[in-house]
Protein backbone atom coordinates (compact mmCIF):
# COMPACT_ATOMS: atom_id res chain seq x y z
CA MET A 1 101.40 92.75 133.05
CA ARG A 2 99.27 95.36 134.81
CA LEU A 3 101.60 98.13 133.55
CA ILE A 4 101.38 96.75 130.03
CA ARG A 5 97.57 96.72 130.13
CA ILE A 6 97.53 100.33 131.40
CA ILE A 7 99.82 101.43 128.56
CA ILE A 8 97.68 99.64 125.99
CA PHE A 9 94.49 101.17 127.44
CA LEU A 10 95.99 104.66 127.20
CA ASN A 11 97.03 104.02 123.61
CA ILE A 12 93.50 102.89 122.69
CA PHE A 13 92.01 105.94 124.42
CA LEU A 14 94.29 108.31 122.51
CA PHE A 15 94.20 106.41 119.21
CA SER A 16 91.96 108.81 117.33
CA ALA A 17 94.18 111.79 118.24
CA VAL A 18 97.54 110.25 117.35
CA SER A 19 98.91 109.87 113.84
CA ILE A 20 99.76 106.28 112.88
CA PHE A 21 102.27 107.26 110.23
CA ALA A 22 106.02 107.34 110.65
CA GLN A 23 107.68 110.62 111.47
CA ASN A 24 110.87 111.99 109.87
CA VAL A 25 109.99 110.69 106.42
CA ILE A 26 110.90 112.54 103.23
CA THR A 27 107.87 111.80 101.08
CA PHE A 28 106.81 113.34 97.79
CA ASP A 29 103.05 113.37 98.27
CA ASP A 30 103.21 116.83 99.88
CA GLN A 31 105.10 118.58 97.06
CA ASN A 32 102.05 119.34 94.88
CA TRP A 33 103.64 117.37 92.07
CA SER A 34 101.56 115.64 89.41
CA SER A 35 102.32 112.50 87.43
CA ASP A 36 104.91 112.57 84.62
CA THR A 37 106.42 115.98 85.40
CA THR A 38 110.01 116.95 84.57
CA LEU A 39 111.94 118.23 87.59
CA PRO A 40 115.26 120.10 87.67
CA SER A 41 118.51 118.28 88.35
CA ASN A 42 118.83 120.14 91.66
CA PHE A 43 116.04 120.89 94.13
CA MET A 44 115.38 120.97 97.88
CA ILE A 45 112.80 119.18 100.07
CA HIS A 46 112.61 119.71 103.84
CA SER A 47 116.08 121.31 103.67
CA PHE A 48 117.54 118.18 102.02
CA THR A 49 119.22 118.87 98.67
CA PHE A 50 118.61 116.42 95.81
CA SER A 51 121.03 116.73 92.89
CA SER A 52 122.28 114.81 89.87
CA ASN A 53 123.84 115.31 86.45
CA GLU A 54 120.50 114.27 84.89
CA SER A 55 116.97 115.61 85.34
CA PHE A 56 114.52 114.04 87.77
CA TYR A 57 110.88 113.25 87.05
CA THR A 58 107.77 112.41 89.02
CA ASN A 59 106.63 108.80 89.10
CA TYR A 60 106.46 106.98 85.82
CA GLY A 61 102.86 106.81 84.51
CA TYR A 62 101.41 103.48 85.54
CA ASN A 63 103.10 103.58 88.95
CA PHE A 64 101.15 106.68 89.93
CA ASN A 65 98.65 104.79 92.06
CA VAL A 66 101.06 102.17 93.36
CA ASN A 67 102.84 104.12 96.07
CA GLY A 68 101.49 107.64 95.69
CA ILE A 69 103.75 110.34 94.24
CA SER A 70 107.34 109.18 93.89
CA LEU A 71 110.63 110.47 92.51
CA TYR A 72 111.55 108.97 89.14
CA TYR A 73 115.11 108.82 87.79
CA VAL A 74 116.71 107.23 84.73
CA PHE A 75 120.27 105.92 85.04
CA GLN A 76 121.48 106.30 81.45
CA ASN A 77 125.19 105.92 82.10
CA THR A 78 126.02 103.39 84.77
CA ASN A 79 129.42 104.90 85.50
CA LEU A 80 128.36 108.57 85.64
CA ASP A 81 124.70 108.94 86.64
CA LYS A 82 123.95 109.11 90.34
CA ILE A 83 121.65 110.80 92.85
CA THR A 84 123.21 112.78 95.68
CA ILE A 85 121.12 113.73 98.72
CA THR A 86 122.74 116.16 101.15
CA SER A 87 121.46 116.75 104.68
CA PRO A 88 120.48 120.23 105.96
CA ASP A 89 123.60 122.31 106.65
CA ASN A 90 125.62 119.11 106.28
CA ASN A 91 124.53 118.05 109.76
CA PRO A 92 124.74 114.31 110.48
CA VAL A 93 121.57 112.22 110.25
CA ASN A 94 120.74 108.54 110.54
CA LEU A 95 119.26 107.05 107.37
CA VAL A 96 116.91 104.25 108.42
CA SER A 97 115.41 103.06 105.14
CA LEU A 98 114.03 104.02 101.75
CA ALA A 99 111.56 102.53 99.28
CA ALA A 100 112.46 101.84 95.64
CA TYR A 101 110.77 100.37 92.58
CA GLN A 102 112.72 99.25 89.53
CA VAL A 103 110.73 100.07 86.42
CA SER A 104 113.09 98.40 83.91
CA GLU A 105 112.26 94.78 84.53
CA THR A 106 114.87 93.53 82.07
CA SER A 107 117.81 95.41 83.57
CA LYS A 108 120.39 93.39 85.53
CA ASP A 109 122.19 96.26 87.24
CA SER A 110 122.17 96.33 91.03
CA LEU A 111 121.24 99.43 93.02
CA VAL A 112 124.02 100.77 95.25
CA ILE A 113 123.17 103.04 98.22
CA GLU A 114 126.10 104.76 99.93
CA GLY A 115 126.34 106.74 103.16
CA TRP A 116 129.04 109.44 103.39
CA ASP A 117 130.56 111.50 106.18
CA ASN A 118 131.83 114.49 104.22
CA SER A 119 134.46 112.99 101.89
CA SER A 120 134.62 109.62 103.69
CA LEU A 121 132.55 106.66 102.52
CA LYS A 122 131.13 104.96 105.63
CA TYR A 123 128.53 102.57 104.19
CA SER A 124 127.85 100.90 100.85
CA HIS A 125 125.19 98.28 100.20
CA SER A 126 124.27 96.72 96.88
CA PHE A 127 120.70 95.53 96.28
CA PRO A 128 119.65 93.22 93.41
CA ASN A 129 117.10 94.63 90.98
CA ASP A 130 113.51 94.08 92.07
CA SER A 131 110.48 95.13 90.02
CA ASN A 132 108.29 95.58 93.12
CA TRP A 133 108.11 98.32 95.71
CA THR A 134 110.81 97.26 98.15
CA ILE A 135 111.85 98.76 101.50
CA TYR A 136 115.64 98.85 101.79
CA THR A 137 116.60 98.77 105.46
CA LEU A 138 119.91 100.64 105.87
CA ASN A 139 120.49 102.07 109.37
CA TYR A 140 123.31 104.38 108.24
CA ASP A 141 124.40 106.34 111.33
CA ASN A 142 125.99 109.81 111.40
CA ILE A 143 126.14 110.59 107.70
CA ASN A 144 125.50 113.86 105.88
CA LYS A 145 125.36 112.64 102.28
CA ILE A 146 123.64 109.78 100.48
CA ILE A 147 124.65 108.64 97.00
CA ILE A 148 122.41 106.33 94.97
CA ARG A 149 123.93 104.76 91.85
CA LEU A 150 124.13 101.52 89.92
CA ASP A 151 126.97 99.04 90.12
CA SER A 152 129.96 99.77 87.88
CA VAL A 153 129.53 96.66 85.76
CA GLY A 154 126.96 98.26 83.46
CA LYS A 155 125.19 95.04 82.51
CA GLY A 156 122.89 96.62 80.03
CA GLY A 157 120.70 99.47 78.85
CA LEU A 158 118.76 102.13 80.67
CA THR A 159 117.70 101.48 84.22
CA ASP A 160 114.94 103.59 85.75
CA TYR A 161 113.80 103.64 89.35
CA ASN A 162 111.06 105.21 91.42
CA PHE A 163 112.09 106.31 94.94
CA ASP A 164 109.96 107.24 97.92
CA ASN A 165 109.82 107.54 101.71
CA PHE A 166 113.36 108.31 102.87
CA THR A 167 113.10 107.54 106.59
CA PHE A 168 115.65 109.25 108.82
CA THR A 169 116.27 110.44 112.36
CA SER A 170 118.36 113.30 113.70
CA SER A 171 121.79 112.17 114.81
CA ILE A 172 121.78 113.10 118.52
CA SER A 173 125.03 111.89 120.02
CA SER A 174 127.92 112.80 122.27
CA VAL A 175 131.49 111.62 122.66
CA SER A 176 132.17 109.24 125.53
CA ASN A 177 135.52 108.50 127.24
CA ASP A 178 136.49 105.89 124.64
CA SER A 179 135.67 108.32 121.77
CA ALA A 180 132.67 106.26 120.62
CA LEU A 181 129.49 108.02 119.59
CA VAL A 182 126.61 107.18 121.93
CA PRO A 183 123.05 108.56 122.12
CA LEU A 184 122.16 111.18 124.71
CA ARG A 185 118.60 109.99 125.30
CA TYR A 186 116.23 107.07 124.81
CA ASN A 187 113.80 107.02 121.92
CA LEU A 188 111.35 104.65 120.28
CA SER A 189 110.37 105.63 116.74
CA GLN A 190 107.11 104.97 114.93
CA ASN A 191 107.38 101.88 112.76
CA TYR A 192 107.66 102.34 109.01
CA PRO A 193 105.68 101.74 106.92
CA ASN A 194 102.49 102.04 108.93
CA PRO A 195 100.00 100.62 108.04
CA PHE A 196 102.06 97.69 106.73
CA ASN A 197 101.73 94.24 105.18
CA PRO A 198 103.47 92.15 106.31
CA ASN A 199 106.92 93.73 106.90
CA THR A 200 107.82 96.81 108.88
CA VAL A 201 110.85 98.42 110.54
CA ILE A 202 111.14 99.65 114.14
CA SER A 203 114.04 101.88 115.22
CA TYR A 204 115.01 102.74 118.78
CA ARG A 205 117.77 104.49 120.70
CA ILE A 206 119.37 103.29 123.94
CA ALA A 207 121.25 105.86 126.06
CA LYS A 208 122.74 103.51 128.67
CA PRO A 209 123.83 99.86 128.52
CA GLY A 210 121.37 97.42 130.03
CA ARG A 211 118.67 94.88 129.34
CA VAL A 212 116.46 95.91 126.42
CA VAL A 213 113.00 94.40 125.88
CA LEU A 214 110.87 95.12 122.80
CA LYS A 215 107.59 93.23 122.56
CA ILE A 216 104.39 93.38 120.56
CA TYR A 217 100.91 92.99 122.07
CA ASP A 218 97.39 92.85 120.75
CA LEU A 219 94.74 95.25 122.06
CA LEU A 220 93.75 92.77 124.77
CA GLY A 221 97.25 92.93 126.23
CA ARG A 222 98.29 89.51 125.00
CA GLU A 223 101.91 89.17 123.93
CA VAL A 224 102.18 88.15 120.28
CA SER A 225 105.92 88.55 119.62
CA THR A 226 109.22 89.30 121.37
CA LEU A 227 111.57 91.17 119.07
CA VAL A 228 114.34 91.95 121.57
CA ASP A 229 115.14 90.63 125.05
CA GLU A 230 118.85 90.93 125.77
CA TYR A 231 121.60 93.13 127.17
CA LYS A 232 122.65 95.86 124.74
CA PRO A 233 125.19 98.72 124.83
CA ALA A 234 124.12 102.31 124.25
CA ASP A 235 123.51 102.74 120.53
CA ASN A 236 120.92 103.18 117.77
CA TYR A 237 119.14 100.03 116.63
CA THR A 238 116.74 98.89 113.94
CA VAL A 239 114.54 95.78 114.08
CA TYR A 240 112.86 94.14 111.09
CA PHE A 241 109.44 92.62 111.89
CA ASN A 242 107.48 90.15 109.74
CA ALA A 243 103.81 89.86 110.72
CA SER A 244 102.80 87.28 108.14
CA LYS A 245 101.43 84.98 110.88
CA LEU A 246 99.26 87.67 112.49
CA SER A 247 95.75 88.78 111.58
CA SER A 248 94.90 92.27 110.39
CA GLY A 249 94.39 94.74 113.20
CA VAL A 250 95.96 97.23 115.59
CA TYR A 251 98.92 96.16 117.72
CA ILE A 252 101.02 97.87 120.38
CA TYR A 253 104.80 97.59 120.58
CA ILE A 254 106.52 98.49 123.85
CA LEU A 255 110.19 99.21 124.53
CA SER A 256 111.59 99.07 128.07
CA SER A 257 115.14 99.54 129.34
CA ASN A 258 116.62 100.92 132.57
CA GLY A 259 113.26 102.29 133.70
CA PHE A 260 112.49 103.87 130.31
CA VAL A 261 109.17 102.69 128.81
CA SER A 262 107.70 103.84 125.50
CA SER A 263 105.08 102.48 123.13
CA HIS A 264 103.50 103.03 119.73
CA LYS A 265 100.61 101.58 117.74
CA MET A 266 101.06 99.71 114.49
CA VAL A 267 98.38 98.76 111.98
CA LEU A 268 98.57 95.51 110.02
CA LEU A 269 96.39 95.56 106.88
CA LYS A 270 96.19 92.36 104.84
């Protein structure tokens, strides 16, 4: 408990000098785009290539102030239209999550998000349509291409989406004796989104098997939640946290495993 209080004190002392926003996020607020602008069908952001057979746009009119600047795309042909996002130099990355907003409230098509390793499909998740900003937690490891499309059923009409905040980490791994990919070092990422209400995602990396403890504390050092407390193999992990029972404020989350200790602040705004 004394160590925890020291860590929390240091975080409070450094709070004004540390950014509270997630790192490794492809956002569109820094592109100098304005609302309702036509974009080419192929462009690059932070060395990631965005391409499609149709043009892209900036966020659709009335959504401009909902989630800042966002990428707007109209799926006109369910079987043909898709968004392809390629990583820099085709190097593997880990896709943690992305935010999406379905503008066409009457459409029944589901959004499909795929993770590819070159020509091999590794992941594919289908998400029901949702006319609210929604964070899709993915945790796609070691991929170099993302494809976003609609399901092949084509249940009706145009379907347009706003996309924002592609959260990713570099894929740092090595090959062990049993040919499994394992991380080379420990890491605790900043939660996303941050500030949040009431849901957020925390990702971490474990380099050696052992007991892993991830807990959340208030600024007085009182434990408010235990997210993880169990033995885990070396791997990359993502935890989904719902803070609906907590009050607005600043909290500290601390990861410890095999002598490694790391912490970050999170801000709950209700």
